PDB file of N, CA and C in Angstrom:
ATOM      1  N   UNK A   1       0.850  -1.174   0.000  1.00  0.00           N
ATOM      2  CA  UNK A   1       0.000   0.000   0.000  1.00  0.00           C
ATOM      3  C   UNK A   1       0.903   1.247   0.000  1.00  0.00           C
ATOM      4  N   UNK A   2       0.723   2.111  -0.965  1.00  0.00           N
ATOM      5  CA  UNK A   2       1.507   3.342  -1.058  1.00  0.00           C
ATOM      6  C   UNK A   2       0.871   4.391  -0.155  1.00  0.00           C
ATOM      7  N   UNK A   3       1.704   5.037   0.661  1.00  0.00           N
ATOM      8  CA  UNK A   3       1.201   6.108   1.525  1.00  0.00           C
ATOM      9  C   UNK A   3       2.224   7.225   1.615  1.00  0.00           C
ATOM     10  N   UNK A   4       1.732   8.406   1.908  1.00  0.00           N
ATOM     11  CA  UNK A   4       2.575   9.578   2.077  1.00  0.00           C
ATOM     12  C   UNK A   4       2.555   9.980   3.536  1.00  0.00           C
ATOM     13  N   UNK A   5       3.744  10.195   4.112  1.00  0.00           N
ATOM     14  CA  UNK A   5       3.822  10.647   5.507  1.00  0.00           C
ATOM     15  C   UNK A   5       4.736  11.852   5.584  1.00  0.00           C
ATOM     16  N   UNK A   6       4.419  12.727   6.519  1.00  0.00           N
ATOM     17  CA  UNK A   6       5.249  13.903   6.771  1.00  0.00           C
ATOM     18  C   UNK A   6       5.851  13.729   8.152  1.00  0.00           C
ATOM     19  N   UNK A   7       7.190  13.764   8.197  1.00  0.00           N
ATOM     20  CA  UNK A   7       7.908  13.648   9.453  1.00  0.00           C
ATOM     21  C   UNK A   7       8.502  14.997   9.823  1.00  0.00           C
ATOM     22  N   UNK A   8       8.426  15.344  11.097  1.00  0.00           N
ATOM     23  CA  UNK A   8       9.075  16.552  11.585  1.00  0.00           C
ATOM     24  C   UNK A   8      10.523  16.197  11.897  1.00  0.00           C
ATOM     25  N   UNK A   9      11.438  16.920  11.268  1.00  0.00           N
ATOM     26  CA  UNK A   9      12.866  16.629  11.406  1.00  0.00           C
ATOM     27  C   UNK A   9      13.597  17.898  11.827  1.00  0.00           C
ATOM     28  N   UNK A  10      14.327  17.813  12.928  1.00  0.00           N
ATOM     29  CA  UNK A  10      15.107  18.949  13.422  1.00  0.00           C
ATOM     30  C   UNK A  10      16.575  18.741  13.094  1.00  0.00           C
ATOM     31  N   UNK A  11      17.252  19.841  12.834  1.00  0.00           N
ATOM     32  CA  UNK A  11      18.690  19.790  12.617  1.00  0.00           C
ATOM     33  C   UNK A  11      19.131  20.043  11.195  1.00  0.00           C
ATOM     34  N   UNK A  12      18.209  20.010  10.242  1.00  0.00           N
ATOM     35  CA  UNK A  12      18.579  20.328   8.859  1.00  0.00           C
ATOM     36  C   UNK A  12      18.712  21.844   8.756  1.00  0.00           C
ATOM     37  N   UNK A  13      19.833  22.302   8.187  1.00  0.00           N
ATOM     38  CA  UNK A  13      20.082  23.744   8.147  1.00  0.00           C
ATOM     39  C   UNK A  13      20.327  24.305   6.751  1.00  0.00           C
ATOM     40  N   UNK A  14      20.365  23.425   5.735  1.00  0.00           N
ATOM     41  CA  UNK A  14      20.690  23.923   4.397  1.00  0.00           C
ATOM     42  C   UNK A  14      20.260  22.917   3.329  1.00  0.00           C
ATOM     43  N   UNK A  15      20.445  23.306   2.088  1.00  0.00           N
ATOM     44  CA  UNK A  15      20.122  22.422   0.976  1.00  0.00           C
ATOM     45  C   UNK A  15      20.974  21.160   0.973  1.00  0.00           C
ATOM     46  N   UNK A  16      22.190  21.255   1.475  1.00  0.00           N
ATOM     47  CA  UNK A  16      23.044  20.076   1.566  1.00  0.00           C
ATOM     48  C   UNK A  16      22.455  19.034   2.506  1.00  0.00           C
ATOM     49  N   UNK A  17      21.861  19.505   3.596  1.00  0.00           N
ATOM     50  CA  UNK A  17      21.186  18.600   4.536  1.00  0.00           C
ATOM     51  C   UNK A  17      20.018  17.918   3.839  1.00  0.00           C
ATOM     52  N   UNK A  18      19.238  18.697   3.104  1.00  0.00           N
ATOM     53  CA  UNK A  18      18.104  18.131   2.367  1.00  0.00           C
ATOM     54  C   UNK A  18      18.576  17.041   1.407  1.00  0.00           C
ATOM     55  N   UNK A  19      19.647  17.331   0.668  1.00  0.00           N
ATOM     56  CA  UNK A  19      20.163  16.362  -0.303  1.00  0.00           C
ATOM     57  C   UNK A  19      20.655  15.095   0.378  1.00  0.00           C
ATOM     58  N   UNK A  20      21.316  15.233   1.525  1.00  0.00           N
ATOM     59  CA  UNK A  20      21.820  14.061   2.241  1.00  0.00           C
ATOM     60  C   UNK A  20      20.665  13.165   2.687  1.00  0.00           C
ATOM     61  N   UNK A  21      19.612  13.781   3.209  1.00  0.00           N
ATOM     62  CA  UNK A  21      18.445  13.013   3.656  1.00  0.00           C
ATOM     63  C   UNK A  21      17.780  12.341   2.462  1.00  0.00           C
ATOM     64  N   UNK A  22      17.606  13.074   1.396  1.00  0.00           N
ATOM     65  CA  UNK A  22      16.944  12.525   0.209  1.00  0.00           C
ATOM     66  C   UNK A  22      17.723  11.337  -0.350  1.00  0.00           C
ATOM     67  N   UNK A  23      19.040  11.494  -0.511  1.00  0.00           N
ATOM     68  CA  UNK A  23      19.857  10.402  -1.049  1.00  0.00           C
ATOM     69  C   UNK A  23      19.797   9.165  -0.159  1.00  0.00           C
ATOM     70  N   UNK A  24      19.894   9.369   1.149  1.00  0.00           N
ATOM     71  CA  UNK A  24      19.896   8.236   2.084  1.00  0.00           C
ATOM     72  C   UNK A  24      18.567   7.488   2.064  1.00  0.00           C
ATOM     73  N   UNK A  25      17.466   8.221   2.045  1.00  0.00           N
ATOM     74  CA  UNK A  25      16.161   7.563   2.084  1.00  0.00           C
ATOM     75  C   UNK A  25      15.821   6.867   0.770  1.00  0.00           C
ATOM     76  N   UNK A  26      16.236   7.440  -0.342  1.00  0.00           N
ATOM     77  CA  UNK A  26      15.930   6.817  -1.628  1.00  0.00           C
ATOM     78  C   UNK A  26      16.663   5.491  -1.818  1.00  0.00           C
ATOM     79  N   UNK A  27      17.690   5.235  -1.015  1.00  0.00           N
ATOM     80  CA  UNK A  27      18.410   3.957  -1.071  1.00  0.00           C
ATOM     81  C   UNK A  27      17.635   2.840  -0.366  1.00  0.00           C
ATOM     82  N   UNK A  28      16.638   3.208   0.427  1.00  0.00           N
ATOM     83  CA  UNK A  28      15.863   2.202   1.158  1.00  0.00           C
ATOM     84  C   UNK A  28      14.817   1.568   0.244  1.00  0.00           C
ATOM     85  N   UNK A  29      14.754   0.246   0.282  1.00  0.00           N
ATOM     86  CA  UNK A  29      13.763  -0.482  -0.508  1.00  0.00           C
ATOM     87  C   UNK A  29      12.365  -0.146  -0.010  1.00  0.00           C
ATOM     88  N   UNK A  30      11.537   0.341  -0.884  1.00  0.00           N
ATOM     89  CA  UNK A  30      10.171   0.683  -0.510  1.00  0.00           C
ATOM     90  C   UNK A  30       9.920   2.178  -0.443  1.00  0.00           C
ATOM     91  N   UNK A  31      10.982   2.986  -0.458  1.00  0.00           N
ATOM     92  CA  UNK A  31      10.813   4.447  -0.490  1.00  0.00           C
ATOM     93  C   UNK A  31      10.704   4.859  -1.953  1.00  0.00           C
ATOM     94  N   UNK A  32       9.616   5.542  -2.271  1.00  0.00           N
ATOM     95  CA  UNK A  32       9.323   5.906  -3.655  1.00  0.00           C
ATOM     96  C   UNK A  32       9.752   7.336  -3.963  1.00  0.00           C
ATOM     97  N   UNK A  33       9.509   8.240  -3.034  1.00  0.00           N
ATOM     98  CA  UNK A  33       9.789   9.666  -3.256  1.00  0.00           C
ATOM     99  C   UNK A  33      10.098  10.317  -1.920  1.00  0.00           C
ATOM    100  N   UNK A  34      11.001  11.320  -1.942  1.00  0.00           N
ATOM    101  CA  UNK A  34      11.385  12.031  -0.719  1.00  0.00           C
ATOM    102  C   UNK A  34      11.439  13.519  -1.029  1.00  0.00           C
ATOM    103  N   UNK A  35      10.769  14.322  -0.194  1.00  0.00           N
ATOM    104  CA  UNK A  35      10.812  15.768  -0.352  1.00  0.00           C
ATOM    105  C   UNK A  35      11.156  16.392   1.001  1.00  0.00           C
ATOM    106  N   UNK A  36      12.449  16.664   1.231  1.00  0.00           N
ATOM    107  CA  UNK A  36      12.844  17.291   2.489  1.00  0.00           C
ATOM    108  C   UNK A  36      12.786  18.821   2.384  1.00  0.00           C
ATOM    109  N   UNK A  37      12.547  19.478   3.509  1.00  0.00           N
ATOM    110  CA  UNK A  37      12.565  20.936   3.563  1.00  0.00           C
ATOM    111  C   UNK A  37      13.176  21.385   4.882  1.00  0.00           C
ATOM    112  N   UNK A  38      14.383  21.957   4.808  1.00  0.00           N
ATOM    113  CA  UNK A  38      14.993  22.446   6.043  1.00  0.00           C
ATOM    114  C   UNK A  38      14.248  23.673   6.557  1.00  0.00           C
ATOM    115  N   UNK A  39      13.644  24.440   5.671  1.00  0.00           N
ATOM    116  CA  UNK A  39      12.898  25.635   6.094  1.00  0.00           C
ATOM    117  C   UNK A  39      11.676  25.241   6.915  1.00  0.00           C
ATOM    118  N   UNK A  40      10.968  24.203   6.473  1.00  0.00           N
ATOM    119  CA  UNK A  40       9.776  23.732   7.189  1.00  0.00           C
ATOM    120  C   UNK A  40      10.122  22.741   8.300  1.00  0.00           C
ATOM    121  N   UNK A  41      11.357  22.239   8.294  1.00  0.00           N
ATOM    122  CA  UNK A  41      11.761  21.253   9.290  1.00  0.00           C
ATOM    123  C   UNK A  41      11.003  19.947   9.127  1.00  0.00           C
ATOM    124  N   UNK A  42      10.859  19.535   7.868  1.00  0.00           N
ATOM    125  CA  UNK A  42      10.081  18.315   7.620  1.00  0.00           C
ATOM    126  C   UNK A  42      10.638  17.527   6.442  1.00  0.00           C
ATOM    127  N   UNK A  43      10.233  16.274   6.400  1.00  0.00           N
ATOM    128  CA  UNK A  43      10.536  15.406   5.269  1.00  0.00           C
ATOM    129  C   UNK A  43       9.244  14.682   4.913  1.00  0.00           C
ATOM    130  N   UNK A  44       8.823  14.828   3.656  1.00  0.00           N
ATOM    131  CA  UNK A  44       7.657  14.108   3.168  1.00  0.00           C
ATOM    132  C   UNK A  44       8.173  12.879   2.427  1.00  0.00           C
ATOM    133  N   UNK A  45       7.677  11.716   2.842  1.00  0.00           N
ATOM    134  CA  UNK A  45       8.129  10.448   2.262  1.00  0.00           C
ATOM    135  C   UNK A  45       6.931   9.706   1.682  1.00  0.00           C
ATOM    136  N   UNK A  46       7.051   9.314   0.425  1.00  0.00           N
ATOM    137  CA  UNK A  46       6.074   8.430  -0.193  1.00  0.00           C
ATOM    138  C   UNK A  46       6.709   7.040  -0.129  1.00  0.00           C
ATOM    139  N   UNK A  47       5.994   6.111   0.516  1.00  0.00           N
ATOM    140  CA  UNK A  47       6.569   4.778   0.732  1.00  0.00           C
ATOM    141  C   UNK A  47       5.552   3.693   0.456  1.00  0.00           C
ATOM    142  N   UNK A  48       6.078   2.513   0.191  1.00  0.00           N
ATOM    143  CA  UNK A  48       5.254   1.323   0.103  1.00  0.00           C
ATOM    144  C   UNK A  48       5.235   0.732   1.517  1.00  0.00           C
ATOM    145  N   UNK A  49       4.145   0.918   2.217  1.00  0.00           N
ATOM    146  CA  UNK A  49       4.041   0.513   3.621  1.00  0.00           C
ATOM    147  C   UNK A  49       4.188  -0.991   3.811  1.00  0.00           C
ATOM    148  N   UNK A  50       3.988  -1.759   2.750  1.00  0.00           N
ATOM    149  CA  UNK A  50       4.163  -3.210   2.842  1.00  0.00           C
ATOM    150  C   UNK A  50       5.634  -3.601   2.789  1.00  0.00           C
ATOM    151  N   UNK A  51       6.488  -2.678   2.326  1.00  0.00           N
ATOM    152  CA  UNK A  51       7.908  -2.994   2.150  1.00  0.00           C
ATOM    153  C   UNK A  51       8.813  -2.296   3.150  1.00  0.00           C
ATOM    154  N   UNK A  52       8.388  -1.151   3.700  1.00  0.00           N
ATOM    155  CA  UNK A  52       9.252  -0.441   4.651  1.00  0.00           C
ATOM    156  C   UNK A  52       8.408   0.254   5.708  1.00  0.00           C
ATOM    157  N   UNK A  53       8.841   0.139   6.944  1.00  0.00           N
ATOM    158  CA  UNK A  53       8.145   0.757   8.063  1.00  0.00           C
ATOM    159  C   UNK A  53       8.702   2.132   8.383  1.00  0.00           C
ATOM    160  N   UNK A  54       7.939   2.887   9.138  1.00  0.00           N
ATOM    161  CA  UNK A  54       8.378   4.227   9.532  1.00  0.00           C
ATOM    162  C   UNK A  54       9.615   4.190  10.417  1.00  0.00           C
ATOM    163  N   UNK A  55       9.756   3.151  11.209  1.00  0.00           N
ATOM    164  CA  UNK A  55      10.911   3.058  12.108  1.00  0.00           C
ATOM    165  C   UNK A  55      12.218   2.991  11.320  1.00  0.00           C
ATOM    166  N   UNK A  56      12.240   2.253  10.221  1.00  0.00           N
ATOM    167  CA  UNK A  56      13.446   2.167   9.400  1.00  0.00           C
ATOM    168  C   UNK A  56      13.789   3.516   8.785  1.00  0.00           C
ATOM    169  N   UNK A  57      12.770   4.255   8.396  1.00  0.00           N
ATOM    170  CA  UNK A  57      12.977   5.592   7.831  1.00  0.00           C
ATOM    171  C   UNK A  57      13.514   6.528   8.914  1.00  0.00           C
ATOM    172  N   UNK A  58      12.901   6.470  10.086  1.00  0.00           N
ATOM    173  CA  UNK A  58      13.355   7.306  11.206  1.00  0.00           C
ATOM    174  C   UNK A  58      14.807   7.004  11.551  1.00  0.00           C
ATOM    175  N   UNK A  59      15.147   5.746  11.624  1.00  0.00           N
ATOM    176  CA  UNK A  59      16.515   5.353  11.971  1.00  0.00           C
ATOM    177  C   UNK A  59      17.521   5.850  10.949  1.00  0.00           C
ATOM    178  N   UNK A  60      17.165   5.800   9.674  1.00  0.00           N
ATOM    179  CA  UNK A  60      18.087   6.268   8.632  1.00  0.00           C
ATOM    180  C   UNK A  60      18.313   7.775   8.754  1.00  0.00           C
ATOM    181  N   UNK A  61      17.256   8.539   9.021  1.00  0.00           N
ATOM    182  CA  UNK A  61      17.406   9.989   9.185  1.00  0.00           C
ATOM    183  C   UNK A  61      18.254  10.292  10.416  1.00  0.00           C
ATOM    184  N   UNK A  62      17.990   9.610  11.512  1.00  0.00           N
ATOM    185  CA  UNK A  62      18.737   9.858  12.748  1.00  0.00           C
ATOM    186  C   UNK A  62      20.196   9.424  12.620  1.00  0.00           C
ATOM    187  N   UNK A  63      20.476   8.434  11.783  1.00  0.00           N
ATOM    188  CA  UNK A  63      21.856   8.008  11.550  1.00  0.00           C
ATOM    189  C   UNK A  63      22.671   9.115  10.881  1.00  0.00           C
ATOM    190  N   UNK A  64      21.979  10.024  10.215  1.00  0.00           N
ATOM    191  CA  UNK A  64      22.641  11.166   9.583  1.00  0.00           C
ATOM    192  C   UNK A  64      22.878  12.309  10.573  1.00  0.00           C
ATOM    193  N   UNK A  65      22.330  12.187  11.779  1.00  0.00           N
ATOM    194  CA  UNK A  65      22.549  13.207  12.801  1.00  0.00           C
ATOM    195  C   UNK A  65      21.388  14.161  13.025  1.00  0.00           C
ATOM    196  N   UNK A  66      20.256  13.885  12.404  1.00  0.00           N
ATOM    197  CA  UNK A  66      19.072  14.731  12.574  1.00  0.00           C
ATOM    198  C   UNK A  66      18.115  14.075  13.581  1.00  0.00           C
ATOM    199  N   UNK A  67      17.203  14.859  14.122  1.00  0.00           N
ATOM    200  CA  UNK A  67      16.244  14.343  15.092  1.00  0.00           C
ATOM    201  C   UNK A  67      14.846  14.295  14.455  1.00  0.00           C
ATOM    202  N   UNK A  68      14.172  13.163  14.660  1.00  0.00           N
ATOM    203  CA  UNK A  68      12.835  12.966  14.111  1.00  0.00           C
ATOM    204  C   UNK A  68      11.842  12.979  15.255  1.00  0.00           C
ATOM    205  N   UNK A  69      10.728  13.712  15.094  1.00  0.00           N
ATOM    206  CA  UNK A  69       9.680  13.734  16.106  1.00  0.00           C
ATOM    207  C   UNK A  69       9.134  12.328  16.306  1.00  0.00           C
ATOM    208  N   UNK A  70       8.563  12.070  17.469  1.00  0.00           N
ATOM    209  CA  UNK A  70       8.090  10.736  17.823  1.00  0.00           C
ATOM    210  C   UNK A  70       7.013  10.209  16.890  1.00  0.00           C
ATOM    211  N   UNK A  71       6.181  11.087  16.341  1.00  0.00           N
ATOM    212  CA  UNK A  71       5.109  10.630  15.467  1.00  0.00           C
ATOM    213  C   UNK A  71       5.048  11.503  14.217  1.00  0.00           C
ATOM    214  N   UNK A  72       4.493  10.981  13.121  1.00  0.00           N
ATOM    215  CA  UNK A  72       4.382  11.788  11.901  1.00  0.00           C
ATOM    216  C   UNK A  72       3.616  13.077  12.157  1.00  0.00           C
ATOM    217  N   UNK A  73       4.036  14.131  11.479  1.00  0.00           N
ATOM    218  CA  UNK A  73       3.402  15.446  11.648  1.00  0.00           C
ATOM    219  C   UNK A  73       2.126  15.525  10.844  1.00  0.00           C
TER     220      UNK A  73
END
């Protein structure tokens, strides 16, 4: 099932941060599209919920050094 979720992400400060998050998430199996915004402090992810869970996405973002809110925004 394809779904779109918006995650609140703290710590992104520039376009380079956005690109790093986008590249990392697009490598995950089941992530279809990623739209990060450091200005809004969010990342919109289109994912196949049958192939990847939100926890894996959260962990990948946090591995880059950013903080993800406990629940989707």
